[in-house]
Amino acid sequence: MSDYAFFEYQAKLTNTGHAENEGELVHCMIRMKNVDRNGKRLHDIKLHQQAGDDVLFVINPGPHRAINYSSIWNVKEEELHKLEKVSDYHRVGDCECYAVVRIRTLYRSG
């Protein structure tokens, strides 16, 4: 069994004071250790929280931006290897963030 967990993360980054349907799509894959320093396996909830915090640190939206509609879910390691185009890579501690896309877009409801 691997000592790593793999996640896919998506969110919308918006400017505060603007319509929530405008913003940038943030989509990344995450690889992070799923054991602590003593080799004890960490729970998925804790891993999801830590991965989300690490992505927030990397994105650093600033005081006039907000993250809306974020979601994170487990994926298999193979999904990370399937990535064809990675626009950016960041490492925060034991967490590796592979940014797949961060594009300005307009969201439409319904």
PDB file of N, CA and C in Angstrom:
ATOM      1  N   MET A   1       0.844  -1.183   0.000  1.00  0.00           N
ATOM      2  CA  MET A   1       0.000   0.000   0.000  1.00  0.00           C
ATOM      3  C   MET A   1       0.887   1.245   0.000  1.00  0.00           C
ATOM      4  N   SER A   2       0.500   2.232  -0.765  1.00  0.00           N
ATOM      5  CA  SER A   2       1.278   3.449  -0.942  1.00  0.00           C
ATOM      6  C   SER A   2       1.201   4.358   0.287  1.00  0.00           C
ATOM      7  N   ASP A   3       2.249   5.116   0.510  1.00  0.00           N
ATOM      8  CA  ASP A   3       2.262   6.117   1.577  1.00  0.00           C
ATOM      9  C   ASP A   3       1.780   7.468   1.068  1.00  0.00           C
ATOM     10  N   TYR A   4       1.117   7.481  -0.081  1.00  0.00           N
ATOM     11  CA  TYR A   4       0.620   8.719  -0.675  1.00  0.00           C
ATOM     12  C   TYR A   4      -0.866   8.631  -0.962  1.00  0.00           C
ATOM     13  N   ALA A   5      -1.522   9.780  -0.858  1.00  0.00           N
ATOM     14  CA  ALA A   5      -2.929   9.910  -1.234  1.00  0.00           C
ATOM     15  C   ALA A   5      -2.978  10.847  -2.437  1.00  0.00           C
ATOM     16  N   PHE A   6      -3.962  10.653  -3.291  1.00  0.00           N
ATOM     17  CA  PHE A   6      -4.101  11.447  -4.505  1.00  0.00           C
ATOM     18  C   PHE A   6      -5.502  12.042  -4.550  1.00  0.00           C
ATOM     19  N   PHE A   7      -5.569  13.328  -4.868  1.00  0.00           N
ATOM     20  CA  PHE A   7      -6.842  14.036  -4.892  1.00  0.00           C
ATOM     21  C   PHE A   7      -6.947  14.884  -6.150  1.00  0.00           C
ATOM     22  N   GLU A   8      -8.187  15.159  -6.512  1.00  0.00           N
ATOM     23  CA  GLU A   8      -8.468  16.134  -7.551  1.00  0.00           C
ATOM     24  C   GLU A   8      -9.248  17.253  -6.869  1.00  0.00           C
ATOM     25  N   TYR A   9      -8.929  18.486  -7.205  1.00  0.00           N
ATOM     26  CA  TYR A   9      -9.520  19.659  -6.550  1.00  0.00           C
ATOM     27  C   TYR A   9     -10.007  20.623  -7.618  1.00  0.00           C
ATOM     28  N   GLN A  10     -11.214  21.157  -7.417  1.00  0.00           N
ATOM     29  CA  GLN A  10     -11.742  22.189  -8.305  1.00  0.00           C
ATOM     30  C   GLN A  10     -12.373  23.276  -7.462  1.00  0.00           C
ATOM     31  N   ALA A  11     -12.240  24.504  -7.926  1.00  0.00           N
ATOM     32  CA  ALA A  11     -12.855  25.634  -7.234  1.00  0.00           C
ATOM     33  C   ALA A  11     -13.011  26.778  -8.220  1.00  0.00           C
ATOM     34  N   LYS A  12     -13.779  27.754  -7.807  1.00  0.00           N
ATOM     35  CA  LYS A  12     -13.909  28.974  -8.592  1.00  0.00           C
ATOM     36  C   LYS A  12     -13.380  30.124  -7.746  1.00  0.00           C
ATOM     37  N   LEU A  13     -12.461  30.882  -8.297  1.00  0.00           N
ATOM     38  CA  LEU A  13     -11.840  32.024  -7.642  1.00  0.00           C
ATOM     39  C   LEU A  13     -12.524  33.278  -8.162  1.00  0.00           C
ATOM     40  N   THR A  14     -13.170  34.042  -7.277  1.00  0.00           N
ATOM     41  CA  THR A  14     -13.922  35.221  -7.691  1.00  0.00           C
ATOM     42  C   THR A  14     -13.407  36.470  -6.981  1.00  0.00           C
ATOM     43  N   ASN A  15     -13.692  37.613  -7.571  1.00  0.00           N
ATOM     44  CA  ASN A  15     -13.406  38.895  -6.932  1.00  0.00           C
ATOM     45  C   ASN A  15     -14.572  39.245  -6.024  1.00  0.00           C
ATOM     46  N   THR A  16     -14.281  39.665  -4.802  1.00  0.00           N
ATOM     47  CA  THR A  16     -15.362  40.077  -3.912  1.00  0.00           C
ATOM     48  C   THR A  16     -15.962  41.348  -4.475  1.00  0.00           C
ATOM     49  N   GLY A  17     -17.271  41.494  -4.339  1.00  0.00           N
ATOM     50  CA  GLY A  17     -17.948  42.668  -4.873  1.00  0.00           C
ATOM     51  C   GLY A  17     -18.411  42.495  -6.304  1.00  0.00           C
ATOM     52  N   HIS A  18     -18.034  41.405  -6.952  1.00  0.00           N
ATOM     53  CA  HIS A  18     -18.479  41.125  -8.314  1.00  0.00           C
ATOM     54  C   HIS A  18     -19.460  39.958  -8.288  1.00  0.00           C
ATOM     55  N   ALA A  19     -20.120  39.753  -9.374  1.00  0.00           N
ATOM     56  CA  ALA A  19     -21.079  38.653  -9.468  1.00  0.00           C
ATOM     57  C   ALA A  19     -20.365  37.323  -9.252  1.00  0.00           C
ATOM     58  N   GLU A  20     -21.026  36.432  -8.543  1.00  0.00           N
ATOM     59  CA  GLU A  20     -20.427  35.128  -8.262  1.00  0.00           C
ATOM     60  C   GLU A  20     -20.308  34.255  -9.495  1.00  0.00           C
ATOM     61  N   ASN A  21     -20.960  34.644 -10.591  1.00  0.00           N
ATOM     62  CA  ASN A  21     -20.886  33.808 -11.788  1.00  0.00           C
ATOM     63  C   ASN A  21     -19.655  34.118 -12.637  1.00  0.00           C
ATOM     64  N   GLU A  22     -18.850  35.089 -12.226  1.00  0.00           N
ATOM     65  CA  GLU A  22     -17.613  35.407 -12.932  1.00  0.00           C
ATOM     66  C   GLU A  22     -16.434  34.974 -12.082  1.00  0.00           C
ATOM     67  N   GLY A  23     -15.407  34.448 -12.727  1.00  0.00           N
ATOM     68  CA  GLY A  23     -14.235  34.063 -11.964  1.00  0.00           C
ATOM     69  C   GLY A  23     -13.311  33.162 -12.750  1.00  0.00           C
ATOM     70  N   GLU A  24     -12.309  32.664 -12.055  1.00  0.00           N
ATOM     71  CA  GLU A  24     -11.331  31.760 -12.645  1.00  0.00           C
ATOM     72  C   GLU A  24     -11.575  30.351 -12.129  1.00  0.00           C
ATOM     73  N   LEU A  25     -11.522  29.398 -13.032  1.00  0.00           N
ATOM     74  CA  LEU A  25     -11.616  28.002 -12.641  1.00  0.00           C
ATOM     75  C   LEU A  25     -10.236  27.542 -12.196  1.00  0.00           C
ATOM     76  N   VAL A  26     -10.168  26.940 -11.037  1.00  0.00           N
ATOM     77  CA  VAL A  26      -8.930  26.361 -10.522  1.00  0.00           C
ATOM     78  C   VAL A  26      -9.132  24.846 -10.498  1.00  0.00           C
ATOM     79  N   HIS A  27      -8.247  24.125 -11.151  1.00  0.00           N
ATOM     80  CA  HIS A  27      -8.352  22.668 -11.217  1.00  0.00           C
ATOM     81  C   HIS A  27      -6.953  22.106 -11.037  1.00  0.00           C
ATOM     82  N   CYS A  28      -6.771  21.266 -10.037  1.00  0.00           N
ATOM     83  CA  CYS A  28      -5.450  20.695  -9.830  1.00  0.00           C
ATOM     84  C   CYS A  28      -5.539  19.279  -9.291  1.00  0.00           C
ATOM     85  N   MET A  29      -4.438  18.587  -9.440  1.00  0.00           N
ATOM     86  CA  MET A  29      -4.259  17.254  -8.893  1.00  0.00           C
ATOM     87  C   MET A  29      -3.276  17.392  -7.733  1.00  0.00           C
ATOM     88  N   ILE A  30      -3.471  16.582  -6.713  1.00  0.00           N
ATOM     89  CA  ILE A  30      -2.672  16.698  -5.499  1.00  0.00           C
ATOM     90  C   ILE A  30      -2.118  15.326  -5.119  1.00  0.00           C
ATOM     91  N   ARG A  31      -0.854  15.319  -4.752  1.00  0.00           N
ATOM     92  CA  ARG A  31      -0.202  14.118  -4.230  1.00  0.00           C
ATOM     93  C   ARG A  31       0.370  14.497  -2.876  1.00  0.00           C
ATOM     94  N   MET A  32      -0.003  13.735  -1.842  1.00  0.00           N
ATOM     95  CA  MET A  32       0.510  14.068  -0.514  1.00  0.00           C
ATOM     96  C   MET A  32       0.669  12.809   0.325  1.00  0.00           C
ATOM     97  N   LYS A  33       1.557  12.890   1.296  1.00  0.00           N
ATOM     98  CA  LYS A  33       1.789  11.780   2.219  1.00  0.00           C
ATOM     99  C   LYS A  33       0.502  11.505   2.989  1.00  0.00           C
ATOM    100  N   ASN A  34       0.170  10.232   3.167  1.00  0.00           N
ATOM    101  CA  ASN A  34      -1.014   9.887   3.947  1.00  0.00           C
ATOM    102  C   ASN A  34      -0.658   9.198   5.260  1.00  0.00           C
ATOM    103  N   VAL A  35       0.596   9.362   5.674  1.00  0.00           N
ATOM    104  CA  VAL A  35       1.047   8.848   6.963  1.00  0.00           C
ATOM    105  C   VAL A  35       1.765   9.969   7.715  1.00  0.00           C
ATOM    106  N   ASP A  36       1.705   9.909   9.038  1.00  0.00           N
ATOM    107  CA  ASP A  36       2.420  10.917   9.822  1.00  0.00           C
ATOM    108  C   ASP A  36       3.889  10.511   9.987  1.00  0.00           C
ATOM    109  N   ARG A  37       4.622  11.267  10.750  1.00  0.00           N
ATOM    110  CA  ARG A  37       6.064  11.009  10.919  1.00  0.00           C
ATOM    111  C   ARG A  37       6.349   9.658  11.573  1.00  0.00           C
ATOM    112  N   ASN A  38       5.363   9.126  12.294  1.00  0.00           N
ATOM    113  CA  ASN A  38       5.536   7.832  12.966  1.00  0.00           C
ATOM    114  C   ASN A  38       5.032   6.667  12.124  1.00  0.00           C
ATOM    115  N   GLY A  39       4.595   6.960  10.898  1.00  0.00           N
ATOM    116  CA  GLY A  39       4.102   5.907  10.019  1.00  0.00           C
ATOM    117  C   GLY A  39       2.642   5.560  10.205  1.00  0.00           C
ATOM    118  N   LYS A  40       1.938   6.305  11.053  1.00  0.00           N
ATOM    119  CA  LYS A  40       0.511   6.054  11.290  1.00  0.00           C
ATOM    120  C   LYS A  40      -0.313   6.670  10.156  1.00  0.00           C
ATOM    121  N   ARG A  41      -1.222   5.878   9.597  1.00  0.00           N
ATOM    122  CA  ARG A  41      -2.056   6.330   8.482  1.00  0.00           C
ATOM    123  C   ARG A  41      -3.023   7.415   8.942  1.00  0.00           C
ATOM    124  N   LEU A  42      -3.145   8.495   8.139  1.00  0.00           N
ATOM    125  CA  LEU A  42      -4.033   9.613   8.449  1.00  0.00           C
ATOM    126  C   LEU A  42      -5.414   9.365   7.846  1.00  0.00           C
ATOM    127  N   HIS A  43      -6.447   9.874   8.494  1.00  0.00           N
ATOM    128  CA  HIS A  43      -7.820   9.723   8.027  1.00  0.00           C
ATOM    129  C   HIS A  43      -8.078  10.610   6.803  1.00  0.00           C
ATOM    130  N   ASP A  44      -8.974  10.154   5.931  1.00  0.00           N
ATOM    131  CA  ASP A  44      -9.300  10.902   4.713  1.00  0.00           C
ATOM    132  C   ASP A  44      -9.787  12.318   4.998  1.00  0.00           C
ATOM    133  N   ILE A  45     -10.575  12.495   6.038  1.00  0.00           N
ATOM    134  CA  ILE A  45     -11.101  13.830   6.349  1.00  0.00           C
ATOM    135  C   ILE A  45      -9.950  14.782   6.639  1.00  0.00           C
ATOM    136  N   LYS A  46      -8.996  14.345   7.432  1.00  0.00           N
ATOM    137  CA  LYS A  46      -7.835  15.187   7.754  1.00  0.00           C
ATOM    138  C   LYS A  46      -7.014  15.478   6.492  1.00  0.00           C
ATOM    139  N   LEU A  47      -6.857  14.462   5.645  1.00  0.00           N
ATOM    140  CA  LEU A  47      -6.107  14.654   4.393  1.00  0.00           C
ATOM    141  C   LEU A  47      -6.812  15.641   3.477  1.00  0.00           C
ATOM    142  N   HIS A  48      -8.144  15.547   3.353  1.00  0.00           N
ATOM    143  CA  HIS A  48      -8.902  16.484   2.523  1.00  0.00           C
ATOM    144  C   HIS A  48      -8.730  17.912   3.044  1.00  0.00           C
ATOM    145  N   GLN A  49      -8.839  18.079   4.355  1.00  0.00           N
ATOM    146  CA  GLN A  49      -8.691  19.409   4.955  1.00  0.00           C
ATOM    147  C   GLN A  49      -7.291  19.970   4.699  1.00  0.00           C
ATOM    148  N   GLN A  50      -6.275  19.144   4.911  1.00  0.00           N
ATOM    149  CA  GLN A  50      -4.898  19.602   4.714  1.00  0.00           C
ATOM    150  C   GLN A  50      -4.639  19.937   3.249  1.00  0.00           C
ATOM    151  N   ALA A  51      -5.104  19.091   2.346  1.00  0.00           N
ATOM    152  CA  ALA A  51      -4.916  19.347   0.913  1.00  0.00           C
ATOM    153  C   ALA A  51      -5.614  20.640   0.503  1.00  0.00           C
ATOM    154  N   GLY A  52      -6.834  20.866   0.990  1.00  0.00           N
ATOM    155  CA  GLY A  52      -7.550  22.104   0.684  1.00  0.00           C
ATOM    156  C   GLY A  52      -6.813  23.324   1.220  1.00  0.00           C
ATOM    157  N   ASP A  53      -6.290  23.232   2.432  1.00  0.00           N
ATOM    158  CA  ASP A  53      -5.519  24.334   3.014  1.00  0.00           C
ATOM    159  C   ASP A  53      -4.255  24.610   2.199  1.00  0.00           C
ATOM    160  N   ASP A  54      -3.588  23.540   1.772  1.00  0.00           N
ATOM    161  CA  ASP A  54      -2.361  23.713   0.986  1.00  0.00           C
ATOM    162  C   ASP A  54      -2.649  24.359  -0.367  1.00  0.00           C
ATOM    163  N   VAL A  55      -3.736  23.965  -1.014  1.00  0.00           N
ATOM    164  CA  VAL A  55      -4.110  24.582  -2.289  1.00  0.00           C
ATOM    165  C   VAL A  55      -4.442  26.051  -2.064  1.00  0.00           C
ATOM    166  N   LEU A  56      -5.163  26.360  -0.998  1.00  0.00           N
ATOM    167  CA  LEU A  56      -5.485  27.757  -0.676  1.00  0.00           C
ATOM    168  C   LEU A  56      -4.204  28.565  -0.487  1.00  0.00           C
ATOM    169  N   PHE A  57      -3.221  27.996   0.190  1.00  0.00           N
ATOM    170  CA  PHE A  57      -1.939  28.662   0.379  1.00  0.00           C
ATOM    171  C   PHE A  57      -1.265  28.936  -0.961  1.00  0.00           C
ATOM    172  N   VAL A  58      -1.322  27.967  -1.862  1.00  0.00           N
ATOM    173  CA  VAL A  58      -0.694  28.115  -3.185  1.00  0.00           C
ATOM    174  C   VAL A  58      -1.425  29.167  -4.011  1.00  0.00           C
ATOM    175  N   ILE A  59      -2.750  29.114  -4.000  1.00  0.00           N
ATOM    176  CA  ILE A  59      -3.541  30.059  -4.797  1.00  0.00           C
ATOM    177  C   ILE A  59      -3.416  31.466  -4.239  1.00  0.00           C
ATOM    178  N   ASN A  60      -3.399  31.585  -2.906  1.00  0.00           N
ATOM    179  CA  ASN A  60      -3.292  32.867  -2.222  1.00  0.00           C
ATOM    180  C   ASN A  60      -4.205  33.913  -2.846  1.00  0.00           C
ATOM    181  N   PRO A  61      -5.522  33.793  -2.625  1.00  0.00           N
ATOM    182  CA  PRO A  61      -6.454  34.681  -3.307  1.00  0.00           C
ATOM    183  C   PRO A  61      -6.346  36.147  -2.912  1.00  0.00           C
ATOM    184  N   GLY A  62      -5.764  36.457  -1.770  1.00  0.00           N
ATOM    185  CA  GLY A  62      -5.623  37.852  -1.360  1.00  0.00           C
ATOM    186  C   GLY A  62      -6.888  38.377  -0.705  1.00  0.00           C
ATOM    187  N   PRO A  63      -6.839  39.632  -0.262  1.00  0.00           N
ATOM    188  CA  PRO A  63      -7.952  40.179   0.520  1.00  0.00           C
ATOM    189  C   PRO A  63      -9.211  40.479  -0.301  1.00  0.00           C
ATOM    190  N   HIS A  64      -9.105  40.612  -1.602  1.00  0.00           N
ATOM    191  CA  HIS A  64     -10.258  40.999  -2.417  1.00  0.00           C
ATOM    192  C   HIS A  64     -10.764  39.876  -3.300  1.00  0.00           C
ATOM    193  N   ARG A  65     -10.361  38.663  -2.979  1.00  0.00           N
ATOM    194  CA  ARG A  65     -10.802  37.506  -3.756  1.00  0.00           C
ATOM    195  C   ARG A  65     -11.318  36.432  -2.813  1.00  0.00           C
ATOM    196  N   ALA A  66     -12.158  35.589  -3.346  1.00  0.00           N
ATOM    197  CA  ALA A  66     -12.744  34.515  -2.543  1.00  0.00           C
ATOM    198  C   ALA A  66     -12.788  33.234  -3.363  1.00  0.00           C
ATOM    199  N   ILE A  67     -12.799  32.117  -2.664  1.00  0.00           N
ATOM    200  CA  ILE A  67     -12.943  30.830  -3.327  1.00  0.00           C
ATOM    201  C   ILE A  67     -14.375  30.363  -3.118  1.00  0.00           C
ATOM    202  N   ASN A  68     -15.035  30.051  -4.219  1.00  0.00           N
ATOM    203  CA  ASN A  68     -16.409  29.568  -4.176  1.00  0.00           C
ATOM    204  C   ASN A  68     -16.489  28.187  -4.801  1.00  0.00           C
ATOM    205  N   TYR A  69     -17.446  27.431  -4.348  1.00  0.00           N
ATOM    206  CA  TYR A  69     -17.769  26.143  -4.964  1.00  0.00           C
ATOM    207  C   TYR A  69     -16.591  25.189  -5.043  1.00  0.00           C
ATOM    208  N   SER A  70     -15.802  25.099  -4.017  1.00  0.00           N
ATOM    209  CA  SER A  70     -14.668  24.180  -4.062  1.00  0.00           C
ATOM    210  C   SER A  70     -15.110  22.756  -3.740  1.00  0.00           C
ATOM    211  N   SER A  71     -14.425  21.817  -4.353  1.00  0.00           N
ATOM    212  CA  SER A  71     -14.667  20.410  -4.041  1.00  0.00           C
ATOM    213  C   SER A  71     -13.362  19.647  -4.212  1.00  0.00           C
ATOM    214  N   ILE A  72     -13.235  18.595  -3.420  1.00  0.00           N
ATOM    215  CA  ILE A  72     -12.039  17.765  -3.466  1.00  0.00           C
ATOM    216  C   ILE A  72     -12.478  16.316  -3.318  1.00  0.00           C
ATOM    217  N   TRP A  73     -11.851  15.440  -4.075  1.00  0.00           N
ATOM    218  CA  TRP A  73     -12.202  14.030  -3.996  1.00  0.00           C
ATOM    219  C   TRP A  73     -10.983  13.173  -4.271  1.00  0.00           C
ATOM    220  N   ASN A  74     -11.032  11.947  -3.772  1.00  0.00           N
ATOM    221  CA  ASN A  74      -9.934  10.993  -3.951  1.00  0.00           C
ATOM    222  C   ASN A  74      -9.898  10.504  -5.396  1.00  0.00           C
ATOM    223  N   VAL A  75      -8.697  10.306  -5.903  1.00  0.00           N
ATOM    224  CA  VAL A  75      -8.497   9.695  -7.216  1.00  0.00           C
ATOM    225  C   VAL A  75      -7.382   8.658  -7.078  1.00  0.00           C
ATOM    226  N   LYS A  76      -7.265   7.833  -8.072  1.00  0.00           N
ATOM    227  CA  LYS A  76      -6.184   6.844  -8.086  1.00  0.00           C
ATOM    228  C   LYS A  76      -4.916   7.481  -8.640  1.00  0.00           C
ATOM    229  N   GLU A  77      -3.796   6.924  -8.279  1.00  0.00           N
ATOM    230  CA  GLU A  77      -2.501   7.442  -8.713  1.00  0.00           C
ATOM    231  C   GLU A  77      -2.417   7.539 -10.235  1.00  0.00           C
ATOM    232  N   GLU A  78      -3.065   6.630 -10.936  1.00  0.00           N
ATOM    233  CA  GLU A  78      -3.028   6.620 -12.399  1.00  0.00           C
ATOM    234  C   GLU A  78      -3.562   7.925 -12.987  1.00  0.00           C
ATOM    235  N   GLU A  79      -4.526   8.562 -12.300  1.00  0.00           N
ATOM    236  CA  GLU A  79      -5.089   9.822 -12.794  1.00  0.00           C
ATOM    237  C   GLU A  79      -4.015  10.907 -12.866  1.00  0.00           C
ATOM    238  N   LEU A  80      -3.117  10.912 -11.906  1.00  0.00           N
ATOM    239  CA  LEU A  80      -2.021  11.883 -11.910  1.00  0.00           C
ATOM    240  C   LEU A  80      -1.083  11.630 -13.088  1.00  0.00           C
ATOM    241  N   HIS A  81      -0.845  10.375 -13.388  1.00  0.00           N
ATOM    242  CA  HIS A  81       0.055  10.025 -14.488  1.00  0.00           C
ATOM    243  C   HIS A  81      -0.570  10.292 -15.853  1.00  0.00           C
ATOM    244  N   LYS A  82      -1.885  10.424 -15.902  1.00  0.00           N
ATOM    245  CA  LYS A  82      -2.581  10.696 -17.167  1.00  0.00           C
ATOM    246  C   LYS A  82      -2.503  12.167 -17.582  1.00  0.00           C
ATOM    247  N   LEU A  83      -2.067  13.027 -16.667  1.00  0.00           N
ATOM    248  CA  LEU A  83      -2.022  14.461 -16.976  1.00  0.00           C
ATOM    249  C   LEU A  83      -1.127  14.715 -18.178  1.00  0.00           C
ATOM    250  N   GLU A  84      -1.649  15.455 -19.126  1.00  0.00           N
ATOM    251  CA  GLU A  84      -0.866  15.779 -20.318  1.00  0.00           C
ATOM    252  C   GLU A  84      -0.238  17.163 -20.216  1.00  0.00           C
ATOM    253  N   LYS A  85      -0.997  18.114 -19.699  1.00  0.00           N
ATOM    254  CA  LYS A  85      -0.488  19.477 -19.646  1.00  0.00           C
ATOM    255  C   LYS A  85      -0.665  20.032 -18.235  1.00  0.00           C
ATOM    256  N   VAL A  86       0.441  20.261 -17.574  1.00  0.00           N
ATOM    257  CA  VAL A  86       0.427  20.849 -16.234  1.00  0.00           C
ATOM    258  C   VAL A  86       0.926  22.276 -16.368  1.00  0.00           C
ATOM    259  N   SER A  87       0.071  23.242 -15.988  1.00  0.00           N
ATOM    260  CA  SER A  87       0.442  24.643 -16.164  1.00  0.00           C
ATOM    261  C   SER A  87       1.335  25.164 -15.044  1.00  0.00           C
ATOM    262  N   ASP A  88       1.304  24.498 -13.893  1.00  0.00           N
ATOM    263  CA  ASP A  88       2.100  24.981 -12.775  1.00  0.00           C
ATOM    264  C   ASP A  88       2.277  23.847 -11.761  1.00  0.00           C
ATOM    265  N   TYR A  89       3.365  23.895 -11.013  1.00  0.00           N
ATOM    266  CA  TYR A  89       3.648  22.899  -9.978  1.00  0.00           C
ATOM    267  C   TYR A  89       4.100  23.629  -8.727  1.00  0.00           C
ATOM    268  N   HIS A  90       3.543  23.228  -7.581  1.00  0.00           N
ATOM    269  CA  HIS A  90       3.934  23.801  -6.299  1.00  0.00           C
ATOM    270  C   HIS A  90       4.066  22.683  -5.281  1.00  0.00           C
ATOM    271  N   ARG A  91       4.950  22.901  -4.337  1.00  0.00           N
ATOM    272  CA  ARG A  91       5.119  21.955  -3.236  1.00  0.00           C
ATOM    273  C   ARG A  91       4.987  22.725  -1.931  1.00  0.00           C
ATOM    274  N   VAL A  92       4.129  22.215  -1.044  1.00  0.00           N
ATOM    275  CA  VAL A  92       3.942  22.788   0.284  1.00  0.00           C
ATOM    276  C   VAL A  92       4.118  21.640   1.261  1.00  0.00           C
ATOM    277  N   GLY A  93       5.246  21.593   1.933  1.00  0.00           N
ATOM    278  CA  GLY A  93       5.532  20.479   2.828  1.00  0.00           C
ATOM    279  C   GLY A  93       5.563  19.171   2.049  1.00  0.00           C
ATOM    280  N   ASP A  94       4.734  18.211   2.460  1.00  0.00           N
ATOM    281  CA  ASP A  94       4.646  16.922   1.770  1.00  0.00           C
ATOM    282  C   ASP A  94       3.558  16.900   0.707  1.00  0.00           C
ATOM    283  N   CYS A  95       2.989  18.048   0.402  1.00  0.00           N
ATOM    284  CA  CYS A  95       1.889  18.139  -0.558  1.00  0.00           C
ATOM    285  C   CYS A  95       2.387  18.712  -1.880  1.00  0.00           C
ATOM    286  N   GLU A  96       2.130  17.995  -2.972  1.00  0.00           N
ATOM    287  CA  GLU A  96       2.496  18.454  -4.305  1.00  0.00           C
ATOM    288  C   GLU A  96       1.224  18.801  -5.060  1.00  0.00           C
ATOM    289  N   CYS A  97       1.153  20.022  -5.591  1.00  0.00           N
ATOM    290  CA  CYS A  97      -0.019  20.495  -6.332  1.00  0.00           C
ATOM    291  C   CYS A  97       0.359  20.663  -7.794  1.00  0.00           C
ATOM    292  N   TYR A  98      -0.349  19.953  -8.641  1.00  0.00           N
ATOM    293  CA  TYR A  98      -0.150  20.038 -10.087  1.00  0.00           C
ATOM    294  C   TYR A  98      -1.337  20.785 -10.662  1.00  0.00           C
ATOM    295  N   ALA A  99      -1.151  22.061 -11.000  1.00  0.00           N
ATOM    296  CA  ALA A  99      -2.242  22.866 -11.549  1.00  0.00           C
ATOM    297  C   ALA A  99      -2.490  22.440 -12.984  1.00  0.00           C
ATOM    298  N   VAL A 100      -3.707  22.013 -13.236  1.00  0.00           N
ATOM    299  CA  VAL A 100      -4.077  21.581 -14.570  1.00  0.00           C
ATOM    300  C   VAL A 100      -4.562  22.780 -15.379  1.00  0.00           C
ATOM    301  N   VAL A 101      -5.362  23.636 -14.751  1.00  0.00           N
ATOM    302  CA  VAL A 101      -5.892  24.793 -15.464  1.00  0.00           C
ATOM    303  C   VAL A 101      -6.251  25.881 -14.457  1.00  0.00           C
ATOM    304  N   ARG A 102      -6.072  27.089 -14.868  1.00  0.00           N
ATOM    305  CA  ARG A 102      -6.524  28.246 -14.093  1.00  0.00           C
ATOM    306  C   ARG A 102      -6.860  29.303 -15.132  1.00  0.00           C
ATOM    307  N   ILE A 103      -8.102  29.299 -15.566  1.00  0.00           N
ATOM    308  CA  ILE A 103      -8.504  30.178 -16.667  1.00  0.00           C
ATOM    309  C   ILE A 103      -9.634  31.105 -16.231  1.00  0.00           C
ATOM    310  N   ARG A 104      -9.637  32.282 -16.803  1.00  0.00           N
ATOM    311  CA  ARG A 104     -10.717  33.242 -16.567  1.00  0.00           C
ATOM    312  C   ARG A 104     -11.905  32.790 -17.395  1.00  0.00           C
ATOM    313  N   THR A 105     -13.029  32.707 -16.755  1.00  0.00           N
ATOM    314  CA  THR A 105     -14.214  32.223 -17.451  1.00  0.00           C
ATOM    315  C   THR A 105     -15.464  32.856 -16.865  1.00  0.00           C
ATOM    316  N   LEU A 106     -16.537  32.759 -17.577  1.00  0.00           N
ATOM    317  CA  LEU A 106     -17.830  33.243 -17.119  1.00  0.00           C
ATOM    318  C   LEU A 106     -18.715  32.032 -16.880  1.00  0.00           C
ATOM    319  N   TYR A 107     -19.257  31.923 -15.688  1.00  0.00           N
ATOM    320  CA  TYR A 107     -20.125  30.797 -15.353  1.00  0.00           C
ATOM    321  C   TYR A 107     -21.565  31.225 -15.555  1.00  0.00           C
ATOM    322  N   ARG A 108     -22.340  30.337 -16.101  1.00  0.00           N
ATOM    323  CA  ARG A 108     -23.763  30.596 -16.278  1.00  0.00           C
ATOM    324  C   ARG A 108     -24.549  29.589 -15.457  1.00  0.00           C
ATOM    325  N   SER A 109     -25.559  30.056 -14.795  1.00  0.00           N
ATOM    326  CA  SER A 109     -26.409  29.163 -14.000  1.00  0.00           C
ATOM    327  C   SER A 109     -27.431  28.490 -14.908  1.00  0.00           C
ATOM    328  N   GLY A 110     -27.732  27.236 -14.536  1.00  0.00           N
ATOM    329  CA  GLY A 110     -28.812  26.497 -15.165  1.00  0.00           C
ATOM    330  C   GLY A 110     -28.680  26.394 -16.590  1.00  0.00           C
TER     331      GLY A 110
END
